[in-house]
Amino acid sequence: MCEGNLERYVEVSGRRPEPAALAFYRLRWALDDVAIFVDQFRRPHERTPDTEVARSAFAGTVEELTA
């Protein structure tokens, strides 16, 4: 979460999320994305602008997870 967004959330809600909970949420989101991409690429598909965007997003997500 962008620091400005986090501070706005704290200001509006009066609560600061636990850093571990935010990290877990980010990890889960990334793993969900990987699962969706793998499912998409395992099915028959053609090379299209949409699959190129998905391939690039998949590569970026895997790179973030391994960093």
PDB file of N, CA and C in Angstrom:
ATOM      1  N   MET A   1       0.862  -1.176   0.000  1.00  0.00           N
ATOM      2  CA  MET A   1       0.000   0.000   0.000  1.00  0.00           C
ATOM      3  C   MET A   1       0.901   1.230   0.000  1.00  0.00           C
ATOM      4  N   CYS A   2       0.571   2.160  -0.846  1.00  0.00           N
ATOM      5  CA  CYS A   2       1.311   3.412  -0.907  1.00  0.00           C
ATOM      6  C   CYS A   2       1.220   4.104   0.457  1.00  0.00           C
ATOM      7  N   GLU A   3       2.335   4.669   0.905  1.00  0.00           N
ATOM      8  CA  GLU A   3       2.379   5.277   2.240  1.00  0.00           C
ATOM      9  C   GLU A   3       1.290   6.330   2.422  1.00  0.00           C
ATOM     10  N   GLY A   4       1.042   7.145   1.406  1.00  0.00           N
ATOM     11  CA  GLY A   4      -0.011   8.160   1.509  1.00  0.00           C
ATOM     12  C   GLY A   4      -1.382   7.534   1.688  1.00  0.00           C
ATOM     13  N   ASN A   5      -1.636   6.435   0.983  1.00  0.00           N
ATOM     14  CA  ASN A   5      -2.918   5.744   1.121  1.00  0.00           C
ATOM     15  C   ASN A   5      -3.054   5.137   2.509  1.00  0.00           C
ATOM     16  N   LEU A   6      -1.969   4.577   3.020  1.00  0.00           N
ATOM     17  CA  LEU A   6      -2.008   3.982   4.359  1.00  0.00           C
ATOM     18  C   LEU A   6      -2.308   5.051   5.407  1.00  0.00           C
ATOM     19  N   GLU A   7      -1.654   6.183   5.298  1.00  0.00           N
ATOM     20  CA  GLU A   7      -1.897   7.255   6.274  1.00  0.00           C
ATOM     21  C   GLU A   7      -3.319   7.778   6.170  1.00  0.00           C
ATOM     22  N   ARG A   8      -3.835   7.855   4.970  1.00  0.00           N
ATOM     23  CA  ARG A   8      -5.235   8.297   4.797  1.00  0.00           C
ATOM     24  C   ARG A   8      -6.176   7.290   5.434  1.00  0.00           C
ATOM     25  N   TYR A   9      -5.905   5.991   5.234  1.00  0.00           N
ATOM     26  CA  TYR A   9      -6.725   4.941   5.841  1.00  0.00           C
ATOM     27  C   TYR A   9      -6.713   5.076   7.364  1.00  0.00           C
ATOM     28  N   VAL A  10      -5.528   5.280   7.937  1.00  0.00           N
ATOM     29  CA  VAL A  10      -5.414   5.430   9.397  1.00  0.00           C
ATOM     30  C   VAL A  10      -6.203   6.650   9.860  1.00  0.00           C
ATOM     31  N   GLU A  11      -6.091   7.729   9.113  1.00  0.00           N
ATOM     32  CA  GLU A  11      -6.805   8.957   9.468  1.00  0.00           C
ATOM     33  C   GLU A  11      -8.318   8.750   9.461  1.00  0.00           C
ATOM     34  N   VAL A  12      -8.825   8.095   8.446  1.00  0.00           N
ATOM     35  CA  VAL A  12     -10.271   7.912   8.293  1.00  0.00           C
ATOM     36  C   VAL A  12     -10.807   6.846   9.240  1.00  0.00           C
ATOM     37  N   SER A  13     -10.079   5.741   9.387  1.00  0.00           N
ATOM     38  CA  SER A  13     -10.589   4.615  10.178  1.00  0.00           C
ATOM     39  C   SER A  13     -10.191   4.671  11.645  1.00  0.00           C
ATOM     40  N   GLY A  14      -9.106   5.379  11.928  1.00  0.00           N
ATOM     41  CA  GLY A  14      -8.616   5.398  13.297  1.00  0.00           C
ATOM     42  C   GLY A  14      -7.853   4.132  13.663  1.00  0.00           C
ATOM     43  N   ARG A  15      -7.549   3.296  12.680  1.00  0.00           N
ATOM     44  CA  ARG A  15      -6.839   2.034  12.926  1.00  0.00           C
ATOM     45  C   ARG A  15      -5.671   1.904  11.967  1.00  0.00           C
ATOM     46  N   ARG A  16      -4.564   1.372  12.480  1.00  0.00           N
ATOM     47  CA  ARG A  16      -3.401   1.104  11.647  1.00  0.00           C
ATOM     48  C   ARG A  16      -3.313  -0.408  11.436  1.00  0.00           C
ATOM     49  N   PRO A  17      -3.353  -0.856  10.181  1.00  0.00           N
ATOM     50  CA  PRO A  17      -3.261  -2.302   9.917  1.00  0.00           C
ATOM     51  C   PRO A  17      -1.908  -2.855  10.368  1.00  0.00           C
ATOM     52  N   GLU A  18      -1.924  -4.098  10.767  1.00  0.00           N
ATOM     53  CA  GLU A  18      -0.690  -4.781  11.147  1.00  0.00           C
ATOM     54  C   GLU A  18       0.189  -4.969   9.914  1.00  0.00           C
ATOM     55  N   PRO A  19       1.468  -4.627   9.995  1.00  0.00           N
ATOM     56  CA  PRO A  19       2.360  -4.821   8.848  1.00  0.00           C
ATOM     57  C   PRO A  19       2.385  -6.269   8.353  1.00  0.00           C
ATOM     58  N   ALA A  20       2.343  -7.234   9.260  1.00  0.00           N
ATOM     59  CA  ALA A  20       2.354  -8.645   8.847  1.00  0.00           C
ATOM     60  C   ALA A  20       1.087  -8.987   8.068  1.00  0.00           C
ATOM     61  N   ALA A  21      -0.039  -8.420   8.465  1.00  0.00           N
ATOM     62  CA  ALA A  21      -1.295  -8.678   7.754  1.00  0.00           C
ATOM     63  C   ALA A  21      -1.242  -8.091   6.352  1.00  0.00           C
ATOM     64  N   LEU A  22      -0.674  -6.891   6.212  1.00  0.00           N
ATOM     65  CA  LEU A  22      -0.537  -6.284   4.887  1.00  0.00           C
ATOM     66  C   LEU A  22       0.402  -7.102   4.009  1.00  0.00           C
ATOM     67  N   ALA A  23       1.495  -7.579   4.576  1.00  0.00           N
ATOM     68  CA  ALA A  23       2.442  -8.405   3.818  1.00  0.00           C
ATOM     69  C   ALA A  23       1.784  -9.705   3.377  1.00  0.00           C
ATOM     70  N   PHE A  24       1.016 -10.320   4.256  1.00  0.00           N
ATOM     71  CA  PHE A  24       0.319 -11.553   3.908  1.00  0.00           C
ATOM     72  C   PHE A  24      -0.695 -11.309   2.800  1.00  0.00           C
ATOM     73  N   TYR A  25      -1.415 -10.203   2.890  1.00  0.00           N
ATOM     74  CA  TYR A  25      -2.410  -9.862   1.862  1.00  0.00           C
ATOM     75  C   TYR A  25      -1.727  -9.703   0.508  1.00  0.00           C
ATOM     76  N   ARG A  26      -0.590  -8.994   0.468  1.00  0.00           N
ATOM     77  CA  ARG A  26       0.143  -8.811  -0.793  1.00  0.00           C
ATOM     78  C   ARG A  26       0.610 -10.146  -1.354  1.00  0.00           C
ATOM     79  N   LEU A  27       1.113 -11.016  -0.475  1.00  0.00           N
ATOM     80  CA  LEU A  27       1.585 -12.331  -0.910  1.00  0.00           C
ATOM     81  C   LEU A  27       0.421 -13.143  -1.477  1.00  0.00           C
ATOM     82  N   ARG A  28      -0.694 -13.162  -0.768  1.00  0.00           N
ATOM     83  CA  ARG A  28      -1.848 -13.923  -1.235  1.00  0.00           C
ATOM     84  C   ARG A  28      -2.325 -13.406  -2.582  1.00  0.00           C
ATOM     85  N   TRP A  29      -2.370 -12.098  -2.747  1.00  0.00           N
ATOM     86  CA  TRP A  29      -2.807 -11.507  -4.012  1.00  0.00           C
ATOM     87  C   TRP A  29      -1.880 -11.968  -5.139  1.00  0.00           C
ATOM     88  N   ALA A  30      -0.575 -11.917  -4.909  1.00  0.00           N
ATOM     89  CA  ALA A  30       0.383 -12.321  -5.936  1.00  0.00           C
ATOM     90  C   ALA A  30       0.239 -13.803  -6.274  1.00  0.00           C
ATOM     91  N   LEU A  31       0.060 -14.646  -5.262  1.00  0.00           N
ATOM     92  CA  LEU A  31      -0.098 -16.076  -5.518  1.00  0.00           C
ATOM     93  C   LEU A  31      -1.401 -16.374  -6.256  1.00  0.00           C
ATOM     94  N   ASP A  32      -2.452 -15.643  -5.933  1.00  0.00           N
ATOM     95  CA  ASP A  32      -3.709 -15.781  -6.686  1.00  0.00           C
ATOM     96  C   ASP A  32      -3.485 -15.425  -8.153  1.00  0.00           C
ATOM     97  N   ASP A  33      -2.750 -14.336  -8.395  1.00  0.00           N
ATOM     98  CA  ASP A  33      -2.454 -13.942  -9.774  1.00  0.00           C
ATOM     99  C   ASP A  33      -1.688 -15.040 -10.501  1.00  0.00           C
ATOM    100  N   VAL A  34      -0.677 -15.611  -9.853  1.00  0.00           N
ATOM    101  CA  VAL A  34       0.108 -16.683 -10.474  1.00  0.00           C
ATOM    102  C   VAL A  34      -0.802 -17.852 -10.835  1.00  0.00           C
ATOM    103  N   ALA A  35      -1.673 -18.245  -9.933  1.00  0.00           N
ATOM    104  CA  ALA A  35      -2.575 -19.366 -10.189  1.00  0.00           C
ATOM    105  C   ALA A  35      -3.486 -19.081 -11.383  1.00  0.00           C
ATOM    106  N   ILE A  36      -3.988 -17.870 -11.479  1.00  0.00           N
ATOM    107  CA  ILE A  36      -4.865 -17.496 -12.587  1.00  0.00           C
ATOM    108  C   ILE A  36      -4.093 -17.524 -13.906  1.00  0.00           C
ATOM    109  N   PHE A  37      -2.876 -16.968 -13.900  1.00  0.00           N
ATOM    110  CA  PHE A  37      -2.066 -16.970 -15.118  1.00  0.00           C
ATOM    111  C   PHE A  37      -1.713 -18.390 -15.552  1.00  0.00           C
ATOM    112  N   VAL A  38      -1.313 -19.223 -14.615  1.00  0.00           N
ATOM    113  CA  VAL A  38      -0.957 -20.602 -14.959  1.00  0.00           C
ATOM    114  C   VAL A  38      -2.162 -21.321 -15.554  1.00  0.00           C
ATOM    115  N   ASP A  39      -3.318 -21.142 -14.961  1.00  0.00           N
ATOM    116  CA  ASP A  39      -4.534 -21.754 -15.507  1.00  0.00           C
ATOM    117  C   ASP A  39      -4.788 -21.265 -16.930  1.00  0.00           C
ATOM    118  N   GLN A  40      -4.636 -19.967 -17.140  1.00  0.00           N
ATOM    119  CA  GLN A  40      -4.859 -19.387 -18.471  1.00  0.00           C
ATOM    120  C   GLN A  40      -3.863 -19.966 -19.486  1.00  0.00           C
ATOM    121  N   PHE A  41      -2.596 -20.057 -19.118  1.00  0.00           N
ATOM    122  CA  PHE A  41      -1.578 -20.501 -20.073  1.00  0.00           C
ATOM    123  C   PHE A  41      -1.578 -22.009 -20.292  1.00  0.00           C
ATOM    124  N   ARG A  42      -2.144 -22.764 -19.387  1.00  0.00           N
ATOM    125  CA  ARG A  42      -2.231 -24.212 -19.585  1.00  0.00           C
ATOM    126  C   ARG A  42      -3.337 -24.578 -20.563  1.00  0.00           C
ATOM    127  N   ARG A  43      -4.289 -23.703 -20.753  1.00  0.00           N
ATOM    128  CA  ARG A  43      -5.390 -23.945 -21.686  1.00  0.00           C
ATOM    129  C   ARG A  43      -4.932 -23.578 -23.100  1.00  0.00           C
ATOM    130  N   PRO A  44      -5.548 -24.159 -24.091  1.00  0.00           N
ATOM    131  CA  PRO A  44      -5.221 -23.746 -25.457  1.00  0.00           C
ATOM    132  C   PRO A  44      -5.471 -22.246 -25.628  1.00  0.00           C
ATOM    133  N   HIS A  45      -4.519 -21.574 -26.202  1.00  0.00           N
ATOM    134  CA  HIS A  45      -4.657 -20.138 -26.427  1.00  0.00           C
ATOM    135  C   HIS A  45      -3.773 -19.721 -27.589  1.00  0.00           C
ATOM    136  N   GLU A  46      -4.043 -18.568 -28.099  1.00  0.00           N
ATOM    137  CA  GLU A  46      -3.264 -18.001 -29.183  1.00  0.00           C
ATOM    138  C   GLU A  46      -2.497 -16.799 -28.666  1.00  0.00           C
ATOM    139  N   ARG A  47      -1.464 -16.441 -29.389  1.00  0.00           N
ATOM    140  CA  ARG A  47      -0.695 -15.260 -29.027  1.00  0.00           C
ATOM    141  C   ARG A  47      -1.471 -14.030 -29.508  1.00  0.00           C
ATOM    142  N   THR A  48      -1.927 -13.258 -28.564  1.00  0.00           N
ATOM    143  CA  THR A  48      -2.695 -12.044 -28.846  1.00  0.00           C
ATOM    144  C   THR A  48      -2.139 -10.916 -27.984  1.00  0.00           C
ATOM    145  N   PRO A  49      -2.548  -9.685 -28.244  1.00  0.00           N
ATOM    146  CA  PRO A  49      -2.120  -8.601 -27.349  1.00  0.00           C
ATOM    147  C   PRO A  49      -2.511  -8.874 -25.886  1.00  0.00           C
ATOM    148  N   ASP A  50      -3.674  -9.470 -25.657  1.00  0.00           N
ATOM    149  CA  ASP A  50      -4.101  -9.784 -24.287  1.00  0.00           C
ATOM    150  C   ASP A  50      -3.192 -10.822 -23.632  1.00  0.00           C
ATOM    151  N   THR A  51      -2.820 -11.865 -24.384  1.00  0.00           N
ATOM    152  CA  THR A  51      -1.937 -12.882 -23.782  1.00  0.00           C
ATOM    153  C   THR A  51      -0.543 -12.323 -23.569  1.00  0.00           C
ATOM    154  N   GLU A  52      -0.118 -11.377 -24.391  1.00  0.00           N
ATOM    155  CA  GLU A  52       1.186 -10.738 -24.174  1.00  0.00           C
ATOM    156  C   GLU A  52       1.178  -9.896 -22.900  1.00  0.00           C
ATOM    157  N   VAL A  53       0.085  -9.196 -22.668  1.00  0.00           N
ATOM    158  CA  VAL A  53      -0.046  -8.425 -21.417  1.00  0.00           C
ATOM    159  C   VAL A  53      -0.045  -9.382 -20.226  1.00  0.00           C
ATOM    160  N   ALA A  54      -0.778 -10.476 -20.337  1.00  0.00           N
ATOM    161  CA  ALA A  54      -0.829 -11.463 -19.254  1.00  0.00           C
ATOM    162  C   ALA A  54       0.550 -12.071 -19.015  1.00  0.00           C
ATOM    163  N   ARG A  55       1.279 -12.381 -20.082  1.00  0.00           N
ATOM    164  CA  ARG A  55       2.611 -12.958 -19.941  1.00  0.00           C
ATOM    165  C   ARG A  55       3.552 -11.983 -19.238  1.00  0.00           C
ATOM    166  N   SER A  56       3.474 -10.725 -19.609  1.00  0.00           N
ATOM    167  CA  SER A  56       4.311  -9.713 -18.979  1.00  0.00           C
ATOM    168  C   SER A  56       3.952  -9.545 -17.496  1.00  0.00           C
ATOM    169  N   ALA A  57       2.652  -9.517 -17.203  1.00  0.00           N
ATOM    170  CA  ALA A  57       2.216  -9.395 -15.807  1.00  0.00           C
ATOM    171  C   ALA A  57       2.630 -10.617 -14.998  1.00  0.00           C
ATOM    172  N   PHE A  58       2.526 -11.796 -15.595  1.00  0.00           N
ATOM    173  CA  PHE A  58       2.957 -13.030 -14.930  1.00  0.00           C
ATOM    174  C   PHE A  58       4.446 -12.961 -14.604  1.00  0.00           C
ATOM    175  N   ALA A  59       5.251 -12.569 -15.578  1.00  0.00           N
ATOM    176  CA  ALA A  59       6.698 -12.471 -15.358  1.00  0.00           C
ATOM    177  C   ALA A  59       7.010 -11.466 -14.254  1.00  0.00           C
ATOM    178  N   GLY A  60       6.319 -10.323 -14.255  1.00  0.00           N
ATOM    179  CA  GLY A  60       6.544  -9.323 -13.220  1.00  0.00           C
ATOM    180  C   GLY A  60       6.151  -9.812 -11.843  1.00  0.00           C
ATOM    181  N   THR A  61       5.055 -10.547 -11.768  1.00  0.00           N
ATOM    182  CA  THR A  61       4.607 -11.085 -10.473  1.00  0.00           C
ATOM    183  C   THR A  61       5.602 -12.105  -9.946  1.00  0.00           C
ATOM    184  N   VAL A  62       6.061 -12.998 -10.810  1.00  0.00           N
ATOM    185  CA  VAL A  62       7.057 -13.997 -10.390  1.00  0.00           C
ATOM    186  C   VAL A  62       8.348 -13.312  -9.958  1.00  0.00           C
ATOM    187  N   GLU A  63       8.752 -12.285 -10.690  1.00  0.00           N
ATOM    188  CA  GLU A  63       9.956 -11.544 -10.318  1.00  0.00           C
ATOM    189  C   GLU A  63       9.797 -10.909  -8.931  1.00  0.00           C
ATOM    190  N   GLU A  64       8.657 -10.314  -8.665  1.00  0.00           N
ATOM    191  CA  GLU A  64       8.409  -9.712  -7.345  1.00  0.00           C
ATOM    192  C   GLU A  64       8.434 -10.778  -6.242  1.00  0.00           C
ATOM    193  N   LEU A  65       7.855 -11.926  -6.521  1.00  0.00           N
ATOM    194  CA  LEU A  65       7.816 -12.987  -5.514  1.00  0.00           C
ATOM    195  C   LEU A  65       9.202 -13.550  -5.207  1.00  0.00           C
ATOM    196  N   THR A  66      10.089 -13.520  -6.185  1.00  0.00           N
ATOM    197  CA  THR A  66      11.416 -14.100  -5.979  1.00  0.00           C
ATOM    198  C   THR A  66      12.449 -13.079  -5.528  1.00  0.00           C
ATOM    199  N   ALA A  67      12.056 -11.809  -5.475  1.00  0.00           N
ATOM    200  CA  ALA A  67      12.997 -10.753  -5.058  1.00  0.00           C
ATOM    201  C   ALA A  67      13.220 -10.767  -3.555  1.00  0.00           C
TER     202      ALA A  67
END
